[in-house]
Amino acid sequence: MNEPLHQLALIESTLARFREQACSASALANTARAQTALLAALPPRYGEVLLGLLDRLESSALFSEESCSFSQKDLVANLGIWVDKARGAVSAL
């Protein structure tokens, strides 16, 4: 498996752990941000979107769902979509 795909799989598995409440939003964000080979292989817009989603996810973790302007459930769903689209983009390289 090439490095970008390996790093994408790591983000995907950490996202699954987050969904199962087995890791924190901060741990997910740190893992995703550390995947520099993946981010370098993708078009720049992918990195911008990912970082924005991660920032909002970390912010949402600081507040209860009712008092935060970001829906954590929607952010997690969007991260899943990001993973799917990133897989397509990396596979096309």
Protein backbone atom coordinates (compact mmCIF):
# COMPACT_ATOMS: atom_id res chain seq x y z
CA MET A 1 0.00 0.00 0.00
CA ASN A 2 1.42 3.41 -0.87
CA GLU A 3 1.98 5.94 1.89
CA PRO A 4 -0.95 8.30 1.13
CA LEU A 5 -3.41 5.38 1.10
CA HIS A 6 -1.90 4.02 4.31
CA GLN A 7 -2.28 7.42 5.95
CA LEU A 8 -5.86 7.71 4.70
CA ALA A 9 -6.63 4.30 6.23
CA LEU A 10 -5.20 5.57 9.52
CA ILE A 11 -7.50 8.60 9.46
CA GLU A 12 -10.44 6.36 8.60
CA SER A 13 -9.72 3.94 11.45
CA THR A 14 -9.29 6.81 13.92
CA LEU A 15 -12.59 8.30 12.73
CA ALA A 16 -14.24 4.92 13.37
CA ARG A 17 -12.73 4.87 16.87
CA PHE A 18 -14.07 8.39 17.46
CA ARG A 19 -17.55 7.30 16.35
CA GLU A 20 -17.32 4.47 18.91
CA GLN A 21 -16.23 7.03 21.53
CA ALA A 22 -12.90 5.20 21.85
CA CYS A 23 -10.84 8.34 21.24
CA SER A 24 -11.26 12.09 21.62
CA ALA A 25 -11.87 14.75 18.99
CA SER A 26 -8.39 16.05 19.77
CA ALA A 27 -6.84 12.63 19.13
CA LEU A 28 -8.68 12.35 15.82
CA ALA A 29 -7.61 15.85 14.79
CA ASN A 30 -3.99 15.27 15.78
CA THR A 31 -3.89 11.98 13.86
CA ALA A 32 -5.40 13.54 10.76
CA ARG A 33 -3.13 16.58 10.82
CA ALA A 34 -0.05 14.38 11.13
CA GLN A 35 -0.70 12.62 7.80
CA THR A 36 1.50 14.92 5.77
CA ALA A 37 2.19 12.53 2.87
CA LEU A 38 -1.55 12.19 2.28
CA LEU A 39 -2.15 15.93 2.46
CA ALA A 40 0.77 16.59 0.12
CA ALA A 41 -0.58 14.08 -2.41
CA LEU A 42 -4.05 15.61 -2.49
CA PRO A 43 -5.05 18.89 -4.16
CA PRO A 44 -4.67 21.80 -1.70
CA ARG A 45 -8.43 22.22 -1.29
CA TYR A 46 -8.64 18.81 0.43
CA GLY A 47 -6.29 19.98 3.16
CA GLU A 48 -8.23 23.21 3.63
CA VAL A 49 -11.52 21.36 3.98
CA LEU A 50 -10.06 18.75 6.33
CA LEU A 51 -8.47 21.32 8.60
CA GLY A 52 -11.69 23.33 8.73
CA LEU A 53 -13.71 20.25 9.67
CA LEU A 54 -11.18 19.28 12.33
CA ASP A 55 -11.14 22.77 13.83
CA ARG A 56 -14.94 22.78 14.07
CA LEU A 57 -14.98 19.25 15.51
CA GLU A 58 -12.50 20.22 18.22
CA SER A 59 -14.55 23.33 19.00
CA SER A 60 -17.76 21.32 19.19
CA ALA A 61 -16.14 18.95 21.69
CA LEU A 62 -15.70 21.85 24.11
CA PHE A 63 -19.46 22.48 24.36
CA SER A 64 -22.62 20.50 24.74
CA GLU A 65 -24.45 19.80 21.48
CA GLU A 66 -27.12 22.40 22.33
CA SER A 67 -24.72 25.27 23.00
CA CYS A 68 -22.43 24.76 20.03
CA SER A 69 -23.12 26.15 16.58
CA PHE A 70 -21.53 23.03 15.00
CA SER A 71 -23.33 19.70 15.01
CA GLN A 72 -20.76 17.09 15.95
CA LYS A 73 -22.83 14.41 14.20
CA ASP A 74 -22.83 16.43 10.95
CA LEU A 75 -19.10 17.10 11.23
CA VAL A 76 -18.36 13.39 11.67
CA ALA A 77 -20.56 12.60 8.67
CA ASN A 78 -18.70 15.22 6.62
CA LEU A 79 -15.36 13.74 7.68
CA GLY A 80 -16.59 10.38 6.41
CA ILE A 81 -17.49 11.99 3.08
CA TRP A 82 -14.06 13.66 3.01
CA VAL A 83 -12.38 10.26 3.51
CA ASP A 84 -14.39 8.77 0.62
CA LYS A 85 -13.56 11.64 -1.72
CA ALA A 86 -9.91 11.64 -0.68
CA ARG A 87 -9.72 7.90 -1.42
CA GLY A 88 -11.00 8.56 -4.93
CA ALA A 89 -8.52 11.38 -5.45
CA VAL A 90 -5.55 9.38 -4.14
CA SER A 91 -6.53 6.30 -6.14
CA ALA A 92 -6.59 8.43 -9.30
CA LEU A 93 -2.96 9.49 -8.81
